[in-house]
Amino acid sequence: MKAEDLKGLFRKLSEVMEENRKYLIKLDSVVGDGDLGLTMGDGFLAAYEAVASTGESDIGKLLYGAGKAMSVAVPSTMGTLMASGWMQAGKALKGSTEIGEEGMADIFAAYLDGVANRGKAKVGDKTFLDGLAPAVEAMKRSVEEKKSGREMAEAAYEAAKQGFQNTTTMVAVHGRAATRGEASRELEDPGAAVAMLMMQAYRDWA
């Protein structure tokens, strides 16, 4: 895959976030201020528009540019975290002009690192990481097992979906949900839902 091919992924990400805008608003209204759907819809649209309008062949620079555009469009806490993921992926892939399945796994592994480093959260804290981390692990296994790109994307989505569902067994550590203490355990985490939707878009694109 080349930088031009990845534009399709960003288009699909934007479409999926827009389609699920109301769903994310509903989820976030329970534990947050209800603007997650707006933030993700606007943020991923900005990222797509940034990559769609460039002729950049360096995959790393393309990803970094997407993150930069997202950070400007949605400078909220979650918007900044998602932008940080793309920017970290951009740094990791800088200089690459063509990648395979391993490269795709590297993109999302770096994305995970970028969000974790910026947000200072860890897996198990009931956040976005609990949706994306299982997906990244599934992608790494797929690379080791030499599965096709389509199989890898499907495995990543299923892992992210399970990770999102598993957040109902966790007590929130960060954000407004954390003020609920033990009562936060049964709630679905909106951030992990975003990770699941990202993997849904990745699967549909693949």
N, C-alpha and C. Protein backbone atom coordinates (compact mmCIF):
# COMPACT_ATOMS: atom_id res chain seq x y z
N MET A 1 0.82 -1.19 0.00
CA MET A 1 0.00 0.00 0.00
C MET A 1 0.86 1.25 0.00
N LYS A 2 0.43 2.24 -0.74
CA LYS A 2 1.14 3.51 -0.81
C LYS A 2 0.30 4.59 -0.12
N ALA A 3 0.89 5.76 -0.01
CA ALA A 3 0.20 6.85 0.66
C ALA A 3 -1.16 7.12 0.01
N GLU A 4 -1.21 7.05 -1.29
CA GLU A 4 -2.46 7.30 -2.02
C GLU A 4 -3.55 6.32 -1.59
N ASP A 5 -3.16 5.07 -1.34
CA ASP A 5 -4.13 4.05 -0.93
C ASP A 5 -4.71 4.35 0.44
N LEU A 6 -3.90 4.92 1.32
CA LEU A 6 -4.36 5.21 2.68
C LEU A 6 -5.42 6.30 2.74
N LYS A 7 -5.53 7.07 1.67
CA LYS A 7 -6.57 8.10 1.63
C LYS A 7 -7.95 7.46 1.76
N GLY A 8 -8.08 6.25 1.21
CA GLY A 8 -9.35 5.54 1.29
C GLY A 8 -9.69 5.16 2.73
N LEU A 9 -8.66 4.84 3.50
CA LEU A 9 -8.87 4.51 4.91
C LEU A 9 -9.39 5.73 5.66
N PHE A 10 -8.80 6.87 5.40
CA PHE A 10 -9.24 8.09 6.08
C PHE A 10 -10.65 8.49 5.66
N ARG A 11 -11.00 8.24 4.41
CA ARG A 11 -12.36 8.51 3.97
C ARG A 11 -13.35 7.62 4.72
N LYS A 12 -13.00 6.34 4.85
CA LYS A 12 -13.88 5.40 5.54
C LYS A 12 -13.99 5.74 7.03
N LEU A 13 -12.89 6.14 7.63
CA LEU A 13 -12.92 6.56 9.04
C LEU A 13 -13.88 7.73 9.23
N SER A 14 -13.79 8.69 8.34
CA SER A 14 -14.65 9.86 8.42
C SER A 14 -16.12 9.46 8.26
N GLU A 15 -16.39 8.58 7.32
CA GLU A 15 -17.77 8.14 7.07
C GLU A 15 -18.35 7.40 8.27
N VAL A 16 -17.55 6.50 8.85
CA VAL A 16 -18.04 5.71 9.99
C VAL A 16 -18.29 6.59 11.20
N MET A 17 -17.41 7.56 11.44
CA MET A 17 -17.62 8.45 12.58
C MET A 17 -18.85 9.33 12.38
N GLU A 18 -19.08 9.75 11.15
CA GLU A 18 -20.27 10.56 10.87
C GLU A 18 -21.54 9.73 11.04
N GLU A 19 -21.51 8.49 10.57
CA GLU A 19 -22.66 7.60 10.69
C GLU A 19 -22.99 7.30 12.15
N ASN A 20 -21.98 7.33 13.00
CA ASN A 20 -22.17 6.98 14.41
C ASN A 20 -22.13 8.20 15.33
N ARG A 21 -22.30 9.37 14.76
CA ARG A 21 -22.26 10.61 15.54
C ARG A 21 -23.27 10.58 16.69
N LYS A 22 -24.52 10.24 16.39
CA LYS A 22 -25.56 10.22 17.42
C LYS A 22 -25.30 9.13 18.46
N TYR A 23 -24.78 8.00 18.00
CA TYR A 23 -24.47 6.90 18.91
C TYR A 23 -23.42 7.33 19.93
N LEU A 24 -22.37 7.99 19.46
CA LEU A 24 -21.31 8.45 20.37
C LEU A 24 -21.80 9.55 21.30
N ILE A 25 -22.66 10.41 20.80
CA ILE A 25 -23.24 11.46 21.64
C ILE A 25 -24.04 10.82 22.78
N LYS A 26 -24.83 9.80 22.43
CA LYS A 26 -25.65 9.11 23.43
C LYS A 26 -24.78 8.44 24.49
N LEU A 27 -23.74 7.73 24.05
CA LEU A 27 -22.83 7.07 24.99
C LEU A 27 -22.15 8.09 25.90
N ASP A 28 -21.67 9.16 25.30
CA ASP A 28 -20.90 10.15 26.05
C ASP A 28 -21.77 10.98 26.99
N SER A 29 -23.04 11.08 26.68
CA SER A 29 -23.93 11.88 27.53
C SER A 29 -24.12 11.23 28.90
N VAL A 30 -23.82 9.95 29.00
CA VAL A 30 -23.96 9.23 30.26
C VAL A 30 -22.79 9.53 31.20
N VAL A 31 -21.58 9.59 30.62
CA VAL A 31 -20.38 9.73 31.47
C VAL A 31 -19.58 11.00 31.18
N GLY A 32 -19.95 11.74 30.13
CA GLY A 32 -19.20 12.94 29.77
C GLY A 32 -20.13 14.10 29.50
N ASP A 33 -19.69 14.99 28.60
CA ASP A 33 -20.52 16.16 28.30
C ASP A 33 -21.30 16.02 27.01
N GLY A 34 -21.26 14.83 26.41
CA GLY A 34 -22.11 14.55 25.26
C GLY A 34 -21.61 15.05 23.92
N ASP A 35 -20.38 15.56 23.86
CA ASP A 35 -19.91 16.13 22.59
C ASP A 35 -18.98 15.21 21.81
N LEU A 36 -18.83 13.96 22.26
CA LEU A 36 -17.88 13.06 21.61
C LEU A 36 -18.21 12.82 20.15
N GLY A 37 -19.48 12.65 19.85
CA GLY A 37 -19.88 12.41 18.47
C GLY A 37 -19.53 13.57 17.56
N LEU A 38 -19.70 14.78 18.07
CA LEU A 38 -19.36 15.97 17.30
C LEU A 38 -17.85 16.07 17.10
N THR A 39 -17.11 15.80 18.17
CA THR A 39 -15.65 15.89 18.12
C THR A 39 -15.07 14.87 17.14
N MET A 40 -15.53 13.64 17.21
CA MET A 40 -14.99 12.61 16.33
C MET A 40 -15.43 12.81 14.89
N GLY A 41 -16.68 13.22 14.70
CA GLY A 41 -17.15 13.48 13.34
C GLY A 41 -16.36 14.59 12.68
N ASP A 42 -16.20 15.70 13.38
CA ASP A 42 -15.48 16.85 12.84
C ASP A 42 -13.97 16.56 12.73
N GLY A 43 -13.44 15.85 13.71
CA GLY A 43 -12.01 15.59 13.73
C GLY A 43 -11.56 14.66 12.62
N PHE A 44 -12.27 13.57 12.44
CA PHE A 44 -11.89 12.62 11.40
C PHE A 44 -12.17 13.16 10.01
N LEU A 45 -13.16 14.05 9.90
CA LEU A 45 -13.41 14.72 8.62
C LEU A 45 -12.23 15.63 8.28
N ALA A 46 -11.74 16.36 9.27
CA ALA A 46 -10.59 17.25 9.05
C ALA A 46 -9.36 16.45 8.65
N ALA A 47 -9.18 15.29 9.28
CA ALA A 47 -8.03 14.44 8.95
C ALA A 47 -8.15 13.94 7.51
N TYR A 48 -9.35 13.53 7.11
CA TYR A 48 -9.55 13.06 5.74
C TYR A 48 -9.32 14.17 4.73
N GLU A 49 -9.87 15.33 5.00
CA GLU A 49 -9.70 16.45 4.06
C GLU A 49 -8.23 16.83 3.91
N ALA A 50 -7.47 16.68 4.99
CA ALA A 50 -6.04 17.02 4.94
C ALA A 50 -5.29 16.06 4.04
N VAL A 51 -5.58 14.77 4.14
CA VAL A 51 -4.85 13.79 3.32
C VAL A 51 -5.37 13.77 1.88
N ALA A 52 -6.67 14.05 1.72
CA ALA A 52 -7.26 14.02 0.39
C ALA A 52 -6.71 15.12 -0.51
N SER A 53 -6.31 16.22 0.09
CA SER A 53 -5.87 17.38 -0.69
C SER A 53 -4.36 17.43 -0.91
N THR A 54 -3.65 16.39 -0.48
CA THR A 54 -2.21 16.40 -0.63
C THR A 54 -1.72 15.34 -1.60
N GLY A 55 -0.59 15.62 -2.23
CA GLY A 55 0.02 14.64 -3.12
C GLY A 55 1.20 13.97 -2.44
N GLU A 56 1.26 14.06 -1.12
CA GLU A 56 2.38 13.51 -0.34
C GLU A 56 2.52 12.00 -0.56
N SER A 57 3.75 11.57 -0.86
CA SER A 57 4.01 10.14 -1.06
C SER A 57 4.63 9.49 0.16
N ASP A 58 5.13 10.30 1.09
CA ASP A 58 5.71 9.77 2.32
C ASP A 58 4.56 9.45 3.28
N ILE A 59 4.39 8.17 3.59
CA ILE A 59 3.28 7.74 4.44
C ILE A 59 3.35 8.39 5.81
N GLY A 60 4.54 8.50 6.37
CA GLY A 60 4.69 9.12 7.67
C GLY A 60 4.25 10.56 7.67
N LYS A 61 4.64 11.31 6.66
CA LYS A 61 4.25 12.71 6.57
C LYS A 61 2.75 12.85 6.36
N LEU A 62 2.16 11.92 5.61
CA LEU A 62 0.72 11.93 5.39
C LEU A 62 -0.02 11.75 6.72
N LEU A 63 0.41 10.77 7.51
CA LEU A 63 -0.23 10.50 8.79
C LEU A 63 -0.05 11.67 9.76
N TYR A 64 1.15 12.22 9.77
CA TYR A 64 1.41 13.35 10.67
C TYR A 64 0.54 14.55 10.29
N GLY A 65 0.41 14.77 8.99
CA GLY A 65 -0.43 15.88 8.52
C GLY A 65 -1.88 15.70 8.91
N ALA A 66 -2.35 14.46 8.89
CA ALA A 66 -3.72 14.16 9.31
C ALA A 66 -3.91 14.51 10.78
N GLY A 67 -2.92 14.13 11.59
CA GLY A 67 -2.98 14.42 13.01
C GLY A 67 -2.95 15.91 13.30
N LYS A 68 -2.11 16.62 12.56
CA LYS A 68 -1.99 18.06 12.74
C LYS A 68 -3.32 18.75 12.43
N ALA A 69 -3.94 18.33 11.33
CA ALA A 69 -5.22 18.93 10.94
C ALA A 69 -6.30 18.63 11.98
N MET A 70 -6.26 17.43 12.51
CA MET A 70 -7.24 17.04 13.52
C MET A 70 -7.06 17.85 14.80
N SER A 71 -5.83 18.08 15.18
CA SER A 71 -5.56 18.83 16.42
C SER A 71 -6.06 20.26 16.33
N VAL A 72 -6.03 20.82 15.15
CA VAL A 72 -6.51 22.19 14.95
C VAL A 72 -8.03 22.23 14.92
N ALA A 73 -8.63 21.22 14.28
CA ALA A 73 -10.09 21.20 14.11
C ALA A 73 -10.83 20.91 15.41
N VAL A 74 -10.26 20.01 16.23
CA VAL A 74 -10.95 19.62 17.48
C VAL A 74 -9.95 19.61 18.64
N PRO A 75 -9.63 20.78 19.18
CA PRO A 75 -8.62 20.88 20.24
C PRO A 75 -9.11 20.51 21.63
N SER A 76 -10.12 19.64 21.71
CA SER A 76 -10.62 19.16 22.99
C SER A 76 -9.69 18.06 23.51
N THR A 77 -9.97 17.56 24.69
CA THR A 77 -9.14 16.49 25.27
C THR A 77 -9.10 15.27 24.36
N MET A 78 -10.26 14.77 23.97
CA MET A 78 -10.31 13.56 23.13
C MET A 78 -9.78 13.84 21.73
N GLY A 79 -10.08 15.01 21.21
CA GLY A 79 -9.57 15.36 19.89
C GLY A 79 -8.06 15.40 19.87
N THR A 80 -7.48 15.96 20.92
CA THR A 80 -6.03 16.03 21.03
C THR A 80 -5.41 14.64 21.15
N LEU A 81 -6.06 13.77 21.89
CA LEU A 81 -5.55 12.40 22.04
C LEU A 81 -5.57 11.67 20.69
N MET A 82 -6.66 11.78 19.96
CA MET A 82 -6.75 11.11 18.66
C MET A 82 -5.74 11.69 17.67
N ALA A 83 -5.56 12.99 17.72
CA ALA A 83 -4.57 13.63 16.85
C ALA A 83 -3.16 13.16 17.20
N SER A 84 -2.90 13.01 18.50
CA SER A 84 -1.58 12.55 18.94
C SER A 84 -1.27 11.17 18.40
N GLY A 85 -2.30 10.34 18.28
CA GLY A 85 -2.11 9.01 17.73
C GLY A 85 -1.61 9.06 16.30
N TRP A 86 -2.25 9.88 15.47
CA TRP A 86 -1.82 10.00 14.07
C TRP A 86 -0.42 10.60 13.96
N MET A 87 -0.14 11.57 14.81
CA MET A 87 1.17 12.22 14.74
C MET A 87 2.29 11.25 15.16
N GLN A 88 2.02 10.42 16.17
CA GLN A 88 3.01 9.43 16.57
C GLN A 88 3.20 8.38 15.48
N ALA A 89 2.11 8.00 14.84
CA ALA A 89 2.19 7.05 13.72
C ALA A 89 3.00 7.66 12.58
N GLY A 90 2.81 8.96 12.38
CA GLY A 90 3.56 9.64 11.34
C GLY A 90 5.06 9.61 11.61
N LYS A 91 5.42 9.82 12.85
CA LYS A 91 6.84 9.77 13.22
C LYS A 91 7.42 8.38 13.02
N ALA A 92 6.63 7.37 13.37
CA ALA A 92 7.10 5.98 13.26
C ALA A 92 7.26 5.53 11.81
N LEU A 93 6.42 6.06 10.93
CA LEU A 93 6.44 5.62 9.53
C LEU A 93 7.14 6.60 8.60
N LYS A 94 7.76 7.63 9.16
CA LYS A 94 8.41 8.64 8.33
C LYS A 94 9.45 7.99 7.42
N GLY A 95 9.39 8.35 6.15
CA GLY A 95 10.33 7.81 5.18
C GLY A 95 9.79 6.62 4.42
N SER A 96 8.67 6.08 4.86
CA SER A 96 8.07 4.92 4.18
C SER A 96 7.19 5.39 3.03
N THR A 97 7.36 4.78 1.88
CA THR A 97 6.52 5.12 0.73
C THR A 97 5.62 3.96 0.32
N GLU A 98 5.85 2.80 0.92
CA GLU A 98 5.02 1.63 0.63
C GLU A 98 5.10 0.66 1.81
N ILE A 99 3.95 0.13 2.22
CA ILE A 99 3.91 -0.79 3.35
C ILE A 99 3.00 -1.98 3.06
N GLY A 100 3.19 -3.04 3.84
CA GLY A 100 2.31 -4.21 3.75
C GLY A 100 1.54 -4.36 5.05
N GLU A 101 1.15 -5.60 5.34
CA GLU A 101 0.37 -5.85 6.56
C GLU A 101 1.14 -5.45 7.82
N GLU A 102 2.43 -5.74 7.85
CA GLU A 102 3.23 -5.39 9.03
C GLU A 102 3.25 -3.88 9.24
N GLY A 103 3.31 -3.15 8.15
CA GLY A 103 3.31 -1.70 8.23
C GLY A 103 2.01 -1.16 8.78
N MET A 104 0.88 -1.80 8.40
CA MET A 104 -0.41 -1.38 8.94
C MET A 104 -0.47 -1.62 10.44
N ALA A 105 0.08 -2.77 10.86
CA ALA A 105 0.13 -3.06 12.30
C ALA A 105 0.99 -2.03 13.01
N ASP A 106 2.07 -1.62 12.36
CA ASP A 106 2.96 -0.61 12.95
C ASP A 106 2.25 0.73 13.11
N ILE A 107 1.40 1.07 12.15
CA ILE A 107 0.66 2.33 12.23
C ILE A 107 -0.20 2.37 13.49
N PHE A 108 -0.98 1.32 13.70
CA PHE A 108 -1.89 1.33 14.83
C PHE A 108 -1.19 1.09 16.16
N ALA A 109 -0.06 0.39 16.13
CA ALA A 109 0.73 0.23 17.35
C ALA A 109 1.30 1.58 17.78
N ALA A 110 1.78 2.35 16.81
CA ALA A 110 2.31 3.68 17.10
C ALA A 110 1.18 4.61 17.54
N TYR A 111 0.01 4.45 16.92
CA TYR A 111 -1.16 5.25 17.31
C TYR A 111 -1.48 5.01 18.78
N LEU A 112 -1.47 3.74 19.17
CA LEU A 112 -1.73 3.36 20.55
C LEU A 112 -0.73 4.02 21.49
N ASP A 113 0.53 3.98 21.12
CA ASP A 113 1.58 4.59 21.94
C ASP A 113 1.38 6.10 22.06
N GLY A 114 1.01 6.72 20.95
CA GLY A 114 0.82 8.16 20.95
C GLY A 114 -0.28 8.60 21.89
N VAL A 115 -1.39 7.86 21.87
CA VAL A 115 -2.52 8.19 22.74
C VAL A 115 -2.16 7.92 24.20
N ALA A 116 -1.50 6.78 24.44
CA ALA A 116 -1.13 6.42 25.82
C ALA A 116 -0.16 7.43 26.41
N ASN A 117 0.82 7.83 25.63
CA ASN A 117 1.82 8.78 26.12
C ASN A 117 1.21 10.14 26.41
N ARG A 118 0.29 10.56 25.57
CA ARG A 118 -0.33 11.88 25.73
C ARG A 118 -1.34 11.88 26.88
N GLY A 119 -2.10 10.79 26.98
CA GLY A 119 -3.16 10.75 27.99
C GLY A 119 -2.75 10.21 29.33
N LYS A 120 -1.56 9.61 29.40
CA LYS A 120 -1.04 9.05 30.66
C LYS A 120 -1.97 7.98 31.25
N ALA A 121 -2.68 7.27 30.38
CA ALA A 121 -3.54 6.18 30.84
C ALA A 121 -2.88 4.86 30.49
N LYS A 122 -3.44 3.79 31.00
CA LYS A 122 -2.92 2.45 30.67
C LYS A 122 -4.10 1.52 30.44
N VAL A 123 -3.83 0.40 29.82
CA VAL A 123 -4.86 -0.59 29.56
C VAL A 123 -5.45 -1.04 30.91
N GLY A 124 -6.78 -1.07 30.97
CA GLY A 124 -7.46 -1.43 32.21
C GLY A 124 -8.05 -0.24 32.93
N ASP A 125 -7.71 0.97 32.45
CA ASP A 125 -8.24 2.19 33.07
C ASP A 125 -9.61 2.58 32.54
N LYS A 126 -10.15 1.75 31.64
CA LYS A 126 -11.47 2.01 31.04
C LYS A 126 -11.42 3.25 30.15
N THR A 127 -10.60 3.17 29.10
CA THR A 127 -10.44 4.26 28.15
C THR A 127 -10.37 3.73 26.73
N PHE A 128 -10.10 4.60 25.80
CA PHE A 128 -9.88 4.26 24.40
C PHE A 128 -8.88 3.11 24.25
N LEU A 129 -7.87 3.10 25.10
CA LEU A 129 -6.83 2.07 25.00
C LEU A 129 -7.39 0.67 25.14
N ASP A 130 -8.45 0.52 25.91
CA ASP A 130 -9.02 -0.81 26.13
C ASP A 130 -9.74 -1.34 24.90
N GLY A 131 -10.02 -0.46 23.94
CA GLY A 131 -10.57 -0.90 22.67
C GLY A 131 -9.48 -1.14 21.64
N LEU A 132 -8.48 -0.25 21.61
CA LEU A 132 -7.45 -0.36 20.58
C LEU A 132 -6.36 -1.37 20.90
N ALA A 133 -5.97 -1.49 22.16
CA ALA A 133 -4.88 -2.41 22.52
C ALA A 133 -5.14 -3.85 22.08
N PRO A 134 -6.35 -4.40 22.32
CA PRO A 134 -6.61 -5.76 21.85
C PRO A 134 -6.53 -5.88 20.34
N ALA A 135 -6.94 -4.83 19.64
CA ALA A 135 -6.88 -4.84 18.18
C ALA A 135 -5.44 -4.87 17.69
N VAL A 136 -4.60 -4.09 18.33
CA VAL A 136 -3.17 -4.06 17.95
C VAL A 136 -2.53 -5.43 18.20
N GLU A 137 -2.87 -6.05 19.31
CA GLU A 137 -2.34 -7.38 19.59
C GLU A 137 -2.82 -8.38 18.54
N ALA A 138 -4.07 -8.27 18.14
CA ALA A 138 -4.61 -9.16 17.11
C ALA A 138 -3.90 -8.95 15.78
N MET A 139 -3.57 -7.70 15.47
CA MET A 139 -2.85 -7.40 14.23
C MET A 139 -1.45 -7.98 14.26
N LYS A 140 -0.80 -7.88 15.39
CA LYS A 140 0.55 -8.43 15.52
C LYS A 140 0.53 -9.95 15.34
N ARG A 141 -0.47 -10.60 15.92
CA ARG A 141 -0.59 -12.06 15.75
C ARG A 141 -0.85 -12.41 14.30
N SER A 142 -1.65 -11.61 13.64
CA SER A 142 -1.97 -11.86 12.23
C SER A 142 -0.72 -11.77 11.36
N VAL A 143 0.13 -10.80 11.68
CA VAL A 143 1.39 -10.66 10.93
C VAL A 143 2.25 -11.90 11.15
N GLU A 144 2.36 -12.35 12.39
CA GLU A 144 3.16 -13.53 12.70
C GLU A 144 2.63 -14.78 12.00
N GLU A 145 1.30 -14.84 11.87
CA GLU A 145 0.66 -16.00 11.25
C GLU A 145 0.50 -15.83 9.74
N LYS A 146 1.05 -14.72 9.23
CA LYS A 146 1.04 -14.44 7.79
C LYS A 146 -0.38 -14.45 7.19
N LYS A 147 -1.31 -13.87 7.92
CA LYS A 147 -2.67 -13.76 7.42
C LYS A 147 -2.79 -12.62 6.41
N SER A 148 -3.83 -12.66 5.62
CA SER A 148 -4.04 -11.61 4.62
C SER A 148 -4.46 -10.31 5.30
N GLY A 149 -4.37 -9.23 4.54
CA GLY A 149 -4.77 -7.93 5.08
C GLY A 149 -6.23 -7.92 5.50
N ARG A 150 -7.07 -8.58 4.74
CA ARG A 150 -8.49 -8.64 5.07
C ARG A 150 -8.71 -9.43 6.36
N GLU A 151 -8.02 -10.55 6.50
CA GLU A 151 -8.14 -11.36 7.72
C GLU A 151 -7.63 -10.59 8.93
N MET A 152 -6.55 -9.86 8.75
CA MET A 152 -5.99 -9.08 9.85
C MET A 152 -6.96 -7.99 10.30
N ALA A 153 -7.57 -7.33 9.35
CA ALA A 153 -8.51 -6.26 9.67
C ALA A 153 -9.74 -6.82 10.38
N GLU A 154 -10.21 -7.97 9.95
CA GLU A 154 -11.38 -8.59 10.60
C GLU A 154 -11.05 -8.98 12.04
N ALA A 155 -9.86 -9.55 12.23
CA ALA A 155 -9.44 -9.94 13.58
C ALA A 155 -9.29 -8.72 14.48
N ALA A 156 -8.77 -7.62 13.91
CA ALA A 156 -8.60 -6.39 14.68
C ALA A 156 -9.94 -5.84 15.11
N TYR A 157 -10.91 -5.85 14.22
CA TYR A 157 -12.25 -5.35 14.56
C TYR A 157 -12.89 -6.18 15.66
N GLU A 158 -12.83 -7.50 15.52
CA GLU A 158 -13.45 -8.38 16.52
C GLU A 158 -12.80 -8.20 17.89
N ALA A 159 -11.48 -8.01 17.90
CA ALA A 159 -10.76 -7.80 19.17
C ALA A 159 -11.15 -6.47 19.80
N ALA A 160 -11.27 -5.43 18.97
CA ALA A 160 -11.67 -4.11 19.47
C ALA A 160 -13.10 -4.14 20.00
N LYS A 161 -13.96 -4.84 19.31
CA LYS A 161 -15.36 -4.97 19.74
C LYS A 161 -15.43 -5.65 21.10
N GLN A 162 -14.66 -6.73 21.26
CA GLN A 162 -14.63 -7.44 22.54
C GLN A 162 -14.03 -6.55 23.63
N GLY A 163 -13.00 -5.80 23.27
CA GLY A 163 -12.38 -4.89 24.22
C GLY A 163 -13.35 -3.83 24.71
N PHE A 164 -14.12 -3.30 23.79
CA PHE A 164 -15.15 -2.31 24.14
C PHE A 164 -16.18 -2.92 25.09
N GLN A 165 -16.64 -4.11 24.77
CA GLN A 165 -17.63 -4.78 25.61
C GLN A 165 -17.07 -5.08 27.00
N ASN A 166 -15.78 -5.36 27.05
CA ASN A 166 -15.14 -5.68 28.33
C ASN A 166 -15.02 -4.47 29.26
N THR A 167 -15.22 -3.28 28.72
CA THR A 167 -15.12 -2.09 29.60
C THR A 167 -16.22 -2.07 30.65
N THR A 168 -17.26 -2.88 30.46
CA THR A 168 -18.33 -2.94 31.46
C THR A 168 -17.90 -3.76 32.68
N THR A 169 -16.67 -4.24 32.68
CA THR A 169 -16.13 -4.96 33.84
C THR A 169 -15.09 -4.11 34.57
N MET A 170 -14.89 -2.87 34.10
CA MET A 170 -13.82 -2.02 34.63
C MET A 170 -14.36 -0.80 35.37
N VAL A 171 -13.60 -0.35 36.34
CA VAL A 171 -13.92 0.89 37.06
C VAL A 171 -13.12 2.01 36.41
N ALA A 172 -13.79 3.11 36.08
CA ALA A 172 -13.13 4.23 35.42
C ALA A 172 -12.10 4.89 36.33
N VAL A 173 -10.97 5.24 35.72
CA VAL A 173 -9.88 5.89 36.46
C VAL A 173 -9.74 7.36 36.06
N HIS A 174 -10.16 7.68 34.84
CA HIS A 174 -9.99 9.04 34.32
C HIS A 174 -11.33 9.68 33.96
N GLY A 175 -11.34 11.00 33.89
CA GLY A 175 -12.51 11.74 33.43
C GLY A 175 -13.67 11.76 34.41
N ARG A 176 -14.80 12.25 33.90
CA ARG A 176 -15.97 12.39 34.75
C ARG A 176 -16.50 11.06 35.26
N ALA A 177 -16.33 10.02 34.46
CA ALA A 177 -16.82 8.70 34.87
C ALA A 177 -16.14 8.24 36.15
N ALA A 178 -14.90 8.67 36.36
CA ALA A 178 -14.14 8.24 37.54
C ALA A 178 -14.79 8.72 38.84
N THR A 179 -15.55 9.81 38.76
CA THR A 179 -16.20 10.34 39.97
C THR A 179 -17.31 9.41 40.45
N ARG A 180 -17.73 8.50 39.60
CA ARG A 180 -18.79 7.56 39.98
C ARG A 180 -18.25 6.37 40.77
N GLY A 181 -16.93 6.20 40.74
CA GLY A 181 -16.34 5.10 41.47
C GLY A 181 -16.83 3.76 40.98
N GLU A 182 -17.21 2.89 41.89
CA GLU A 182 -17.67 1.54 41.55
C GLU A 182 -18.89 1.55 40.63
N ALA A 183 -19.68 2.59 40.73
CA ALA A 183 -20.88 2.70 39.89
C ALA A 183 -20.56 2.85 38.41
N SER A 184 -19.30 3.19 38.09
CA SER A 184 -18.90 3.34 36.68
C SER A 184 -18.65 1.99 36.02
N ARG A 185 -18.57 0.94 36.80
CA ARG A 185 -18.18 -0.36 36.26
C ARG A 185 -19.11 -0.85 35.15
N GLU A 186 -20.41 -0.71 35.35
CA GLU A 186 -21.37 -1.28 34.40
C GLU A 186 -21.53 -0.46 33.12
N LEU A 187 -20.93 0.71 33.07
CA LEU A 187 -21.09 1.59 31.91
C LEU A 187 -20.13 1.24 30.78
N GLU A 188 -20.60 1.40 29.55
CA GLU A 188 -19.73 1.21 28.38
C GLU A 188 -18.89 2.47 28.20
N ASP A 189 -17.62 2.28 27.89
CA ASP A 189 -16.74 3.44 27.74
C ASP A 189 -16.83 4.02 26.34
N PRO A 190 -17.13 5.30 26.22
CA PRO A 190 -17.25 5.94 24.91
C PRO A 190 -15.93 5.94 24.13
N GLY A 191 -14.81 6.13 24.84
CA GLY A 191 -13.52 6.13 24.16
C GLY A 191 -13.22 4.80 23.50
N ALA A 192 -13.51 3.71 24.22
CA ALA A 192 -13.30 2.38 23.65
C ALA A 192 -14.23 2.15 22.46
N ALA A 193 -15.40 2.80 22.49
CA ALA A 193 -16.31 2.70 21.35
C ALA A 193 -15.69 3.35 20.12
N VAL A 194 -14.98 4.45 20.31
CA VAL A 194 -14.30 5.11 19.20
C VAL A 194 -13.25 4.17 18.60
N ALA A 195 -12.52 3.47 19.45
CA ALA A 195 -11.52 2.52 18.97
C ALA A 195 -12.18 1.42 18.15
N MET A 196 -13.31 0.92 18.64
CA MET A 196 -14.05 -0.11 17.91
C MET A 196 -14.50 0.40 16.54
N LEU A 197 -14.99 1.63 16.50
CA LEU A 197 -15.45 2.20 15.23
C LEU A 197 -14.28 2.43 14.27
N MET A 198 -13.13 2.79 14.81
CA MET A 198 -11.94 2.93 13.96
C MET A 198 -11.60 1.59 13.31
N MET A 199 -11.68 0.52 14.08
CA MET A 199 -11.37 -0.80 13.54
C MET A 199 -12.46 -1.29 12.59
N GLN A 200 -13.69 -0.84 12.83
CA GLN A 200 -14.77 -1.15 11.90
C GLN A 200 -14.48 -0.51 10.53
N ALA A 201 -14.05 0.75 10.59
CA ALA A 201 -13.71 1.46 9.35
C ALA A 201 -12.52 0.79 8.66
N TYR A 202 -11.53 0.39 9.43
CA TYR A 202 -10.35 -0.29 8.88
C TYR A 202 -10.76 -1.59 8.21
N ARG A 203 -11.63 -2.36 8.88
CA ARG A 203 -12.11 -3.61 8.30
C ARG A 203 -12.87 -3.37 7.00
N ASP A 204 -13.78 -2.40 7.01
CA ASP A 204 -14.56 -2.11 5.80
C ASP A 204 -13.66 -1.66 4.66
N TRP A 205 -12.65 -0.87 4.97
CA TRP A 205 -11.71 -0.41 3.95
C TRP A 205 -10.88 -1.56 3.40
N ALA A 206 -10.42 -2.43 4.30
CA ALA A 206 -9.58 -3.56 3.87
C ALA A 206 -10.35 -4.52 2.98
